Full PDB file with SEQRES, HELIX, SHEET, SSBOND, CRYST1, ORIGX, SCALE, CONECT and MASTER records, all heavy atoms in Angstrom:
SEQRES   1 A   33  SER VAL LYS GLY ARG PHE THR ILE PHE ARG ASP ASN VAL          
SEQRES   2 A   33  LYS ASN THR VAL TYR LEU GLN MET ASN ASN LEU LYS PRO          
SEQRES   3 A   33  GLU ASP THR ALA ASP TYR CYS                                  
HELIX    1 AA1 PRO A   26  ASP A   28  5                                   3    
SHEET    1 AA1 2 PHE A   6  ASP A  11  0                                        
SHEET    2 AA1 2 THR A  16  MET A  21 -1                                        
CRYST1    1.000    1.000    1.000  90.00  90.00  90.00 P 1           1          
ORIGX1      1.000000  0.000000  0.000000        0.00000                         
ORIGX2      0.000000  1.000000  0.000000        0.00000                         
ORIGX3      0.000000  0.000000  1.000000        0.00000                         
SCALE1      1.000000  0.000000  0.000000        0.00000                         
SCALE2      0.000000  1.000000  0.000000        0.00000                         
SCALE3      0.000000  0.000000  1.000000        0.00000                         
ATOM      1  N   SER A   1       7.697  -4.106  11.942  1.00  0.00           N  
ATOM      2  CA  SER A   1       6.542  -3.483  11.302  1.00  0.00           C  
ATOM      3  C   SER A   1       5.456  -4.475  10.892  1.00  0.00           C  
ATOM      4  O   SER A   1       4.323  -4.077  10.633  1.00  0.00           O  
ATOM      5  CB  SER A   1       6.991  -2.682  10.070  1.00  0.00           C  
ATOM      6  OG  SER A   1       7.640  -3.540   9.149  1.00  0.00           O  
ATOM      7  N   VAL A   2       5.804  -5.766  10.828  1.00  0.00           N  
ATOM      8  CA  VAL A   2       4.819  -6.753  10.399  1.00  0.00           C  
ATOM      9  C   VAL A   2       4.487  -7.786  11.466  1.00  0.00           C  
ATOM     10  O   VAL A   2       3.606  -8.626  11.259  1.00  0.00           O  
ATOM     11  CB  VAL A   2       5.274  -7.474   9.101  1.00  0.00           C  
ATOM     12  CG1 VAL A   2       5.606  -6.465   8.027  1.00  0.00           C  
ATOM     13  CG2 VAL A   2       6.464  -8.403   9.370  1.00  0.00           C  
ATOM     14  N   LYS A   3       5.176  -7.731  12.590  1.00  0.00           N  
ATOM     15  CA  LYS A   3       4.909  -8.710  13.659  1.00  0.00           C  
ATOM     16  C   LYS A   3       3.450  -8.669  14.089  1.00  0.00           C  
ATOM     17  O   LYS A   3       2.885  -7.606  14.289  1.00  0.00           O  
ATOM     18  CB  LYS A   3       5.808  -8.417  14.860  1.00  0.00           C  
ATOM     19  CG  LYS A   3       7.225  -8.935  14.708  1.00  0.00           C  
ATOM     20  CD  LYS A   3       8.049  -8.634  15.964  1.00  0.00           C  
ATOM     21  CE  LYS A   3       9.468  -9.102  15.806  1.00  0.00           C  
ATOM     22  NZ  LYS A   3      10.294  -8.752  16.995  1.00  0.00           N  
ATOM     23  N   GLY A   4       2.879  -9.838  14.219  1.00  0.00           N  
ATOM     24  CA  GLY A   4       1.480  -9.934  14.625  1.00  0.00           C  
ATOM     25  C   GLY A   4       0.496  -9.844  13.484  1.00  0.00           C  
ATOM     26  O   GLY A   4      -0.697 -10.116  13.658  1.00  0.00           O  
ATOM     27  N   ARG A   5       0.968  -9.448  12.313  1.00  0.00           N  
ATOM     28  CA  ARG A   5       0.087  -9.335  11.140  1.00  0.00           C  
ATOM     29  C   ARG A   5       0.460 -10.310  10.033  1.00  0.00           C  
ATOM     30  O   ARG A   5      -0.404 -10.805   9.324  1.00  0.00           O  
ATOM     31  CB  ARG A   5       0.134  -7.902  10.588  1.00  0.00           C  
ATOM     32  CG  ARG A   5      -0.318  -6.842  11.564  1.00  0.00           C  
ATOM     33  CD  ARG A   5      -0.432  -5.467  10.911  1.00  0.00           C  
ATOM     34  NE  ARG A   5       0.829  -5.005  10.364  1.00  0.00           N  
ATOM     35  CZ  ARG A   5       1.031  -4.706   9.086  1.00  0.00           C  
ATOM     36  NH1 ARG A   5       0.040  -4.835   8.224  1.00  0.00           N  
ATOM     37  NH2 ARG A   5       2.193  -4.263   8.678  1.00  0.00           N  
ATOM     38  N   PHE A   6       1.774 -10.549   9.883  1.00  0.00           N  
ATOM     39  CA  PHE A   6       2.245 -11.426   8.813  1.00  0.00           C  
ATOM     40  C   PHE A   6       2.746 -12.737   9.425  1.00  0.00           C  
ATOM     41  O   PHE A   6       3.294 -12.760  10.526  1.00  0.00           O  
ATOM     42  CB  PHE A   6       3.403 -10.790   8.063  1.00  0.00           C  
ATOM     43  CG  PHE A   6       3.035  -9.613   7.209  1.00  0.00           C  
ATOM     44  CD1 PHE A   6       1.796  -9.007   7.278  1.00  0.00           C  
ATOM     45  CD2 PHE A   6       3.959  -9.080   6.316  1.00  0.00           C  
ATOM     46  CE1 PHE A   6       1.470  -7.914   6.493  1.00  0.00           C  
ATOM     47  CE2 PHE A   6       3.657  -7.991   5.516  1.00  0.00           C  
ATOM     48  CZ  PHE A   6       2.403  -7.406   5.622  1.00  0.00           C  
ATOM     49  N   THR A   7       2.579 -13.818   8.667  1.00  0.00           N  
ATOM     50  CA  THR A   7       3.085 -15.116   9.075  1.00  0.00           C  
ATOM     51  C   THR A   7       3.800 -15.756   7.897  1.00  0.00           C  
ATOM     52  O   THR A   7       3.232 -15.856   6.800  1.00  0.00           O  
ATOM     53  CB  THR A   7       1.940 -16.042   9.545  1.00  0.00           C  
ATOM     54  OG1 THR A   7       1.245 -15.421  10.629  1.00  0.00           O  
ATOM     55  CG2 THR A   7       2.508 -17.384   9.988  1.00  0.00           C  
ATOM     56  N   ILE A   8       5.023 -16.189   8.134  1.00  0.00           N  
ATOM     57  CA  ILE A   8       5.789 -16.890   7.101  1.00  0.00           C  
ATOM     58  C   ILE A   8       5.792 -18.366   7.444  1.00  0.00           C  
ATOM     59  O   ILE A   8       5.938 -18.759   8.610  1.00  0.00           O  
ATOM     60  CB  ILE A   8       7.238 -16.339   6.987  1.00  0.00           C  
ATOM     61  CG1 ILE A   8       7.943 -16.956   5.782  1.00  0.00           C  
ATOM     62  CG2 ILE A   8       8.017 -16.545   8.267  1.00  0.00           C  
ATOM     63  CD1 ILE A   8       9.283 -16.289   5.464  1.00  0.00           C  
ATOM     64  N   PHE A   9       5.602 -19.197   6.441  1.00  0.00           N  
ATOM     65  CA  PHE A   9       5.682 -20.638   6.652  1.00  0.00           C  
ATOM     66  C   PHE A   9       6.135 -21.279   5.336  1.00  0.00           C  
ATOM     67  O   PHE A   9       6.057 -20.656   4.266  1.00  0.00           O  
ATOM     68  CB  PHE A   9       4.365 -21.235   7.146  1.00  0.00           C  
ATOM     69  CG  PHE A   9       3.151 -20.979   6.285  1.00  0.00           C  
ATOM     70  CD1 PHE A   9       2.668 -21.964   5.435  1.00  0.00           C  
ATOM     71  CD2 PHE A   9       2.474 -19.762   6.319  1.00  0.00           C  
ATOM     72  CE1 PHE A   9       1.548 -21.742   4.644  1.00  0.00           C  
ATOM     73  CE2 PHE A   9       1.343 -19.534   5.530  1.00  0.00           C  
ATOM     74  CZ  PHE A   9       0.889 -20.527   4.692  1.00  0.00           C  
ATOM     75  N   ARG A  10       6.598 -22.500   5.452  1.00  0.00           N  
ATOM     76  CA  ARG A  10       7.156 -23.149   4.252  1.00  0.00           C  
ATOM     77  C   ARG A  10       6.705 -24.606   4.207  1.00  0.00           C  
ATOM     78  O   ARG A  10       6.464 -25.231   5.233  1.00  0.00           O  
ATOM     79  CB  ARG A  10       8.671 -23.031   4.193  1.00  0.00           C  
ATOM     80  CG  ARG A  10       9.425 -23.735   5.308  1.00  0.00           C  
ATOM     81  CD  ARG A  10      10.894 -23.354   5.329  1.00  0.00           C  
ATOM     82  NE  ARG A  10      11.653 -23.965   4.243  1.00  0.00           N  
ATOM     83  CZ  ARG A  10      12.959 -23.734   4.030  1.00  0.00           C  
ATOM     84  NH1 ARG A  10      13.613 -22.918   4.818  1.00  0.00           N  
ATOM     85  NH2 ARG A  10      13.589 -24.344   3.021  1.00  0.00           N  
ATOM     86  N   ASP A  11       6.633 -25.106   2.983  1.00  0.00           N  
ATOM     87  CA  ASP A  11       6.385 -26.508   2.724  1.00  0.00           C  
ATOM     88  C   ASP A  11       7.658 -27.053   2.118  1.00  0.00           C  
ATOM     89  O   ASP A  11       7.966 -26.782   0.948  1.00  0.00           O  
ATOM     90  CB  ASP A  11       5.192 -26.650   1.753  1.00  0.00           C  
ATOM     91  CG  ASP A  11       4.809 -28.098   1.493  1.00  0.00           C  
ATOM     92  OD1 ASP A  11       5.711 -28.959   1.538  1.00  0.00           O  
ATOM     93  OD2 ASP A  11       3.636 -28.350   1.233  1.00  0.00           O  
ATOM     94  N   ASN A  12       8.410 -27.795   2.900  1.00  0.00           N  
ATOM     95  CA  ASN A  12       9.714 -28.276   2.432  1.00  0.00           C  
ATOM     96  C   ASN A  12       9.583 -29.342   1.347  1.00  0.00           C  
ATOM     97  O   ASN A  12      10.503 -29.513   0.543  1.00  0.00           O  
ATOM     98  CB  ASN A  12      10.528 -28.818   3.608  1.00  0.00           C  
ATOM     99  CG  ASN A  12      10.930 -27.721   4.570  1.00  0.00           C  
ATOM    100  OD1 ASN A  12      11.148 -26.579   4.159  1.00  0.00           O  
ATOM    101  ND2 ASN A  12      11.005 -28.047   5.850  1.00  0.00           N  
ATOM    102  N   VAL A  13       8.473 -30.030   1.317  1.00  0.00           N  
ATOM    103  CA  VAL A  13       8.264 -31.032   0.268  1.00  0.00           C  
ATOM    104  C   VAL A  13       8.065 -30.332  -1.068  1.00  0.00           C  
ATOM    105  O   VAL A  13       8.632 -30.724  -2.086  1.00  0.00           O  
ATOM    106  CB  VAL A  13       7.063 -31.935   0.588  1.00  0.00           C  
ATOM    107  CG1 VAL A  13       6.761 -32.856  -0.593  1.00  0.00           C  
ATOM    108  CG2 VAL A  13       7.325 -32.721   1.857  1.00  0.00           C  
ATOM    109  N   LYS A  14       7.284 -29.259  -1.050  1.00  0.00           N  
ATOM    110  CA  LYS A  14       7.026 -28.503  -2.283  1.00  0.00           C  
ATOM    111  C   LYS A  14       8.100 -27.446  -2.536  1.00  0.00           C  
ATOM    112  O   LYS A  14       8.075 -26.784  -3.586  1.00  0.00           O  
ATOM    113  CB  LYS A  14       5.660 -27.826  -2.206  1.00  0.00           C  
ATOM    114  CG  LYS A  14       4.476 -28.794  -2.157  1.00  0.00           C  
ATOM    115  CD  LYS A  14       3.168 -28.035  -2.128  1.00  0.00           C  
ATOM    116  CE  LYS A  14       1.983 -28.967  -2.138  1.00  0.00           C  
ATOM    117  NZ  LYS A  14       0.686 -28.247  -2.076  1.00  0.00           N  
ATOM    118  N   ASN A  15       9.014 -27.275  -1.580  1.00  0.00           N  
ATOM    119  CA  ASN A  15      10.062 -26.248  -1.709  1.00  0.00           C  
ATOM    120  C   ASN A  15       9.442 -24.868  -1.954  1.00  0.00           C  
ATOM    121  O   ASN A  15       9.893 -24.098  -2.825  1.00  0.00           O  
ATOM    122  CB  ASN A  15      11.028 -26.593  -2.850  1.00  0.00           C  
ATOM    123  CG  ASN A  15      12.472 -26.313  -2.476  1.00  0.00           C  
ATOM    124  OD1 ASN A  15      12.802 -26.003  -1.335  1.00  0.00           O  
ATOM    125  ND2 ASN A  15      13.347 -26.395  -3.477  1.00  0.00           N  
ATOM    126  N   THR A  16       8.414 -24.585  -1.192  1.00  0.00           N  
ATOM    127  CA  THR A  16       7.653 -23.352  -1.360  1.00  0.00           C  
ATOM    128  C   THR A  16       7.552 -22.606  -0.028  1.00  0.00           C  
ATOM    129  O   THR A  16       7.339 -23.235   1.016  1.00  0.00           O  
ATOM    130  CB  THR A  16       6.234 -23.644  -1.910  1.00  0.00           C  
ATOM    131  OG1 THR A  16       6.350 -24.288  -3.182  1.00  0.00           O  
ATOM    132  CG2 THR A  16       5.427 -22.381  -2.042  1.00  0.00           C  
ATOM    133  N   VAL A  17       7.716 -21.307  -0.096  1.00  0.00           N  
ATOM    134  CA  VAL A  17       7.544 -20.477   1.092  1.00  0.00           C  
ATOM    135  C   VAL A  17       6.342 -19.570   0.872  1.00  0.00           C  
ATOM    136  O   VAL A  17       6.089 -19.114  -0.250  1.00  0.00           O  
ATOM    137  CB  VAL A  17       8.806 -19.667   1.394  1.00  0.00           C  
ATOM    138  CG1 VAL A  17       9.138 -18.684   0.281  1.00  0.00           C  
ATOM    139  CG2 VAL A  17       8.693 -18.936   2.727  1.00  0.00           C  
ATOM    140  N   TYR A  18       5.620 -19.318   1.942  1.00  0.00           N  
ATOM    141  CA  TYR A  18       4.404 -18.506   1.879  1.00  0.00           C  
ATOM    142  C   TYR A  18       4.517 -17.329   2.835  1.00  0.00           C  
ATOM    143  O   TYR A  18       5.233 -17.383   3.837  1.00  0.00           O  
ATOM    144  CB  TYR A  18       3.189 -19.334   2.274  1.00  0.00           C  
ATOM    145  CG  TYR A  18       3.004 -20.595   1.448  1.00  0.00           C  
ATOM    146  CD1 TYR A  18       3.589 -21.792   1.843  1.00  0.00           C  
ATOM    147  CD2 TYR A  18       2.236 -20.580   0.293  1.00  0.00           C  
ATOM    148  CE1 TYR A  18       3.418 -22.954   1.104  1.00  0.00           C  
ATOM    149  CE2 TYR A  18       2.056 -21.743  -0.462  1.00  0.00           C  
ATOM    150  CZ  TYR A  18       2.662 -22.925  -0.047  1.00  0.00           C  
ATOM    151  OH  TYR A  18       2.482 -24.061  -0.803  1.00  0.00           O  
ATOM    152  N   LEU A  19       3.788 -16.274   2.512  1.00  0.00           N  
ATOM    153  CA  LEU A  19       3.680 -15.151   3.416  1.00  0.00           C  
ATOM    154  C   LEU A  19       2.210 -14.789   3.528  1.00  0.00           C  
ATOM    155  O   LEU A  19       1.621 -14.270   2.564  1.00  0.00           O  
ATOM    156  CB  LEU A  19       4.483 -13.952   2.916  1.00  0.00           C  
ATOM    157  CG  LEU A  19       4.540 -12.756   3.864  1.00  0.00           C  
ATOM    158  CD1 LEU A  19       5.353 -13.115   5.129  1.00  0.00           C  
ATOM    159  CD2 LEU A  19       5.150 -11.533   3.179  1.00  0.00           C  
ATOM    160  N   GLN A  20       1.625 -15.114   4.667  1.00  0.00           N  
ATOM    161  CA  GLN A  20       0.244 -14.750   4.936  1.00  0.00           C  
ATOM    162  C   GLN A  20       0.217 -13.359   5.528  1.00  0.00           C  
ATOM    163  O   GLN A  20       0.828 -13.119   6.576  1.00  0.00           O  
ATOM    164  CB  GLN A  20      -0.397 -15.763   5.899  1.00  0.00           C  
ATOM    165  CG  GLN A  20      -1.814 -15.413   6.290  1.00  0.00           C  
ATOM    166  CD  GLN A  20      -2.783 -15.520   5.121  1.00  0.00           C  
ATOM    167  OE1 GLN A  20      -2.700 -16.449   4.321  1.00  0.00           O  
ATOM    168  NE2 GLN A  20      -3.697 -14.564   5.018  1.00  0.00           N  
ATOM    169  N   MET A  21      -0.438 -12.446   4.869  1.00  0.00           N  
ATOM    170  CA  MET A  21      -0.462 -11.057   5.297  1.00  0.00           C  
ATOM    171  C   MET A  21      -1.893 -10.676   5.664  1.00  0.00           C  
ATOM    172  O   MET A  21      -2.789 -10.709   4.820  1.00  0.00           O  
ATOM    173  CB  MET A  21       0.037 -10.158   4.163  1.00  0.00           C  
ATOM    174  CG  MET A  21       1.419 -10.554   3.652  1.00  0.00           C  
ATOM    175  SD  MET A  21       2.066  -9.405   2.425  1.00  0.00           S  
ATOM    176  CE  MET A  21       0.911  -9.668   1.082  1.00  0.00           C  
ATOM    177  N   ASN A  22      -2.094 -10.333   6.939  1.00  0.00           N  
ATOM    178  CA  ASN A  22      -3.395  -9.941   7.443  1.00  0.00           C  
ATOM    179  C   ASN A  22      -3.369  -8.501   7.903  1.00  0.00           C  
ATOM    180  O   ASN A  22      -2.298  -7.936   8.169  1.00  0.00           O  
ATOM    181  CB  ASN A  22      -3.814 -10.841   8.612  1.00  0.00           C  
ATOM    182  CG  ASN A  22      -3.950 -12.302   8.216  1.00  0.00           C  
ATOM    183  OD1 ASN A  22      -4.320 -12.617   7.073  1.00  0.00           O  
ATOM    184  ND2 ASN A  22      -3.676 -13.188   9.145  1.00  0.00           N  
ATOM    185  N   ASN A  23      -4.538  -7.918   8.012  1.00  0.00           N  
ATOM    186  CA  ASN A  23      -4.651  -6.536   8.478  1.00  0.00           C  
ATOM    187  C   ASN A  23      -3.688  -5.608   7.710  1.00  0.00           C  
ATOM    188  O   ASN A  23      -2.941  -4.833   8.310  1.00  0.00           O  
ATOM    189  CB  ASN A  23      -4.393  -6.452   9.974  1.00  0.00           C  
ATOM    190  CG  ASN A  23      -4.749  -5.098  10.568  1.00  0.00           C  
ATOM    191  OD1 ASN A  23      -5.535  -4.353   9.982  1.00  0.00           O  
ATOM    192  ND2 ASN A  23      -4.173  -4.778  11.689  1.00  0.00           N  
ATOM    193  N   LEU A  24      -3.745  -5.708   6.413  1.00  0.00           N  
ATOM    194  CA  LEU A  24      -2.829  -4.942   5.585  1.00  0.00           C  
ATOM    195  C   LEU A  24      -3.088  -3.446   5.695  1.00  0.00           C  
ATOM    196  O   LEU A  24      -4.242  -2.993   5.842  1.00  0.00           O  
ATOM    197  CB  LEU A  24      -2.942  -5.390   4.134  1.00  0.00           C  
ATOM    198  CG  LEU A  24      -2.225  -6.713   3.839  1.00  0.00           C  
ATOM    199  CD1 LEU A  24      -2.759  -7.361   2.565  1.00  0.00           C  
ATOM    200  CD2 LEU A  24      -0.723  -6.473   3.729  1.00  0.00           C  
ATOM    201  N   LYS A  25      -2.009  -2.694   5.611  1.00  0.00           N  
ATOM    202  CA  LYS A  25      -2.048  -1.242   5.720  1.00  0.00           C  
ATOM    203  C   LYS A  25      -1.509  -0.623   4.432  1.00  0.00           C  
ATOM    204  O   LYS A  25      -0.716  -1.250   3.730  1.00  0.00           O  
ATOM    205  CB  LYS A  25      -1.209  -0.781   6.900  1.00  0.00           C  
ATOM    206  CG  LYS A  25      -1.594  -1.411   8.232  1.00  0.00           C  
ATOM    207  CD  LYS A  25      -0.640  -0.992   9.330  1.00  0.00           C  
ATOM    208  CE  LYS A  25      -1.018  -1.632  10.662  1.00  0.00           C  
ATOM    209  NZ  LYS A  25      -0.095  -1.211  11.758  1.00  0.00           N  
ATOM    210  N   PRO A  26      -1.898   0.611   4.148  1.00  0.00           N  
ATOM    211  CA  PRO A  26      -1.362   1.262   2.944  1.00  0.00           C  
ATOM    212  C   PRO A  26       0.177   1.271   2.899  1.00  0.00           C  
ATOM    213  O   PRO A  26       0.772   1.140   1.820  1.00  0.00           O  
ATOM    214  CB  PRO A  26      -1.913   2.671   3.039  1.00  0.00           C  
ATOM    215  CG  PRO A  26      -3.193   2.503   3.776  1.00  0.00           C  
ATOM    216  CD  PRO A  26      -2.912   1.429   4.790  1.00  0.00           C  
ATOM    217  N   GLU A  27       0.807   1.346   4.054  1.00  0.00           N  
ATOM    218  CA  GLU A  27       2.283   1.374   4.077  1.00  0.00           C  
ATOM    219  C   GLU A  27       2.896   0.003   3.758  1.00  0.00           C  
ATOM    220  O   GLU A  27       4.121  -0.121   3.661  1.00  0.00           O  
ATOM    221  CB  GLU A  27       2.790   1.878   5.434  1.00  0.00           C  
ATOM    222  CG  GLU A  27       2.212   1.187   6.651  1.00  0.00           C  
ATOM    223  CD  GLU A  27       1.037   1.939   7.243  1.00  0.00           C  
ATOM    224  OE1 GLU A  27       0.179   2.452   6.471  1.00  0.00           O  
ATOM    225  OE2 GLU A  27       0.955   1.999   8.496  1.00  0.00           O  
ATOM    226  N   ASP A  28       2.079  -1.020   3.632  1.00  0.00           N  
ATOM    227  CA  ASP A  28       2.571  -2.332   3.194  1.00  0.00           C  
ATOM    228  C   ASP A  28       2.687  -2.409   1.672  1.00  0.00           C  
ATOM    229  O   ASP A  28       3.210  -3.388   1.131  1.00  0.00           O  
ATOM    230  CB  ASP A  28       1.644  -3.452   3.673  1.00  0.00           C  
ATOM    231  CG  ASP A  28       1.622  -3.599   5.178  1.00  0.00           C  
ATOM    232  OD1 ASP A  28       2.707  -3.529   5.796  1.00  0.00           O  
ATOM    233  OD2 ASP A  28       0.519  -3.779   5.740  1.00  0.00           O  
ATOM    234  N   THR A  29       2.198  -1.402   0.989  1.00  0.00           N  
ATOM    235  CA  THR A  29       2.288  -1.368  -0.464  1.00  0.00           C  
ATOM    236  C   THR A  29       3.733  -1.416  -0.899  1.00  0.00           C  
ATOM    237  O   THR A  29       4.553  -0.574  -0.494  1.00  0.00           O  
ATOM    238  CB  THR A  29       1.613  -0.114  -1.036  1.00  0.00           C  
ATOM    239  OG1 THR A  29       0.210  -0.170  -0.746  1.00  0.00           O  
ATOM    240  CG2 THR A  29       1.826  -0.001  -2.530  1.00  0.00           C  
ATOM    241  N   ALA A  30       4.078  -2.394  -1.727  1.00  0.00           N  
ATOM    242  CA  ALA A  30       5.470  -2.586  -2.167  1.00  0.00           C  
ATOM    243  C   ALA A  30       5.534  -3.740  -3.158  1.00  0.00           C  
ATOM    244  O   ALA A  30       4.572  -4.479  -3.327  1.00  0.00           O  
ATOM    245  CB  ALA A  30       6.382  -2.884  -0.973  1.00  0.00           C  
ATOM    246  N   ASP A  31       6.702  -3.857  -3.756  1.00  0.00           N  
ATOM    247  CA  ASP A  31       7.017  -5.038  -4.538  1.00  0.00           C  
ATOM    248  C   ASP A  31       7.656  -6.048  -3.595  1.00  0.00           C  
ATOM    249  O   ASP A  31       8.667  -5.732  -2.954  1.00  0.00           O  
ATOM    250  CB  ASP A  31       7.972  -4.686  -5.677  1.00  0.00           C  
ATOM    251  CG  ASP A  31       8.218  -5.854  -6.585  1.00  0.00           C  
ATOM    252  OD1 ASP A  31       7.263  -6.387  -7.175  1.00  0.00           O  
ATOM    253  OD2 ASP A  31       9.396  -6.261  -6.713  1.00  0.00           O  
ATOM    254  N   TYR A  32       7.075  -7.219  -3.497  1.00  0.00           N  
ATOM    255  CA  TYR A  32       7.554  -8.244  -2.570  1.00  0.00           C  
ATOM    256  C   TYR A  32       8.345  -9.304  -3.330  1.00  0.00           C  
ATOM    257  O   TYR A  32       7.852  -9.884  -4.313  1.00  0.00           O  
ATOM    258  CB  TYR A  32       6.374  -8.896  -1.847  1.00  0.00           C  
ATOM    259  CG  TYR A  32       5.777  -8.040  -0.765  1.00  0.00           C  
ATOM    260  CD1 TYR A  32       5.040  -6.902  -1.100  1.00  0.00           C  
ATOM    261  CD2 TYR A  32       5.937  -8.340   0.577  1.00  0.00           C  
ATOM    262  CE1 TYR A  32       4.485  -6.096  -0.117  1.00  0.00           C  
ATOM    263  CE2 TYR A  32       5.393  -7.542   1.567  1.00  0.00           C  
ATOM    264  CZ  TYR A  32       4.664  -6.425   1.203  1.00  0.00           C  
ATOM    265  OH  TYR A  32       4.133  -5.623   2.195  1.00  0.00           O  
ATOM    266  N   CYS A  33       9.558  -9.534  -2.863  1.00  0.00           N  
ATOM    267  CA  CYS A  33      10.451 -10.513  -3.485  1.00  0.00           C  
ATOM    268  C   CYS A  33      10.807 -11.596  -2.489  1.00  0.00           C  
ATOM    269  O   CYS A  33      11.010 -11.302  -1.309  1.00  0.00           O  
ATOM    270  CB  CYS A  33      11.735  -9.863  -3.962  1.00  0.00           C  
ATOM    271  SG  CYS A  33      11.582  -8.825  -5.405  1.00  0.00           S  
TER     272      CYS A  33                                                      
MASTER        0    0    0    1    2    0    0    6  271    1    0    3          
END                                                                             
């Protein structure tokens, strides 16, 4: 459902993960954990 719109990447030095979400749709509405 998110392929082509979302990108996950991480910075291992900062121990941080990111989720870039583009072309968001109303059905993407949610609590993200």
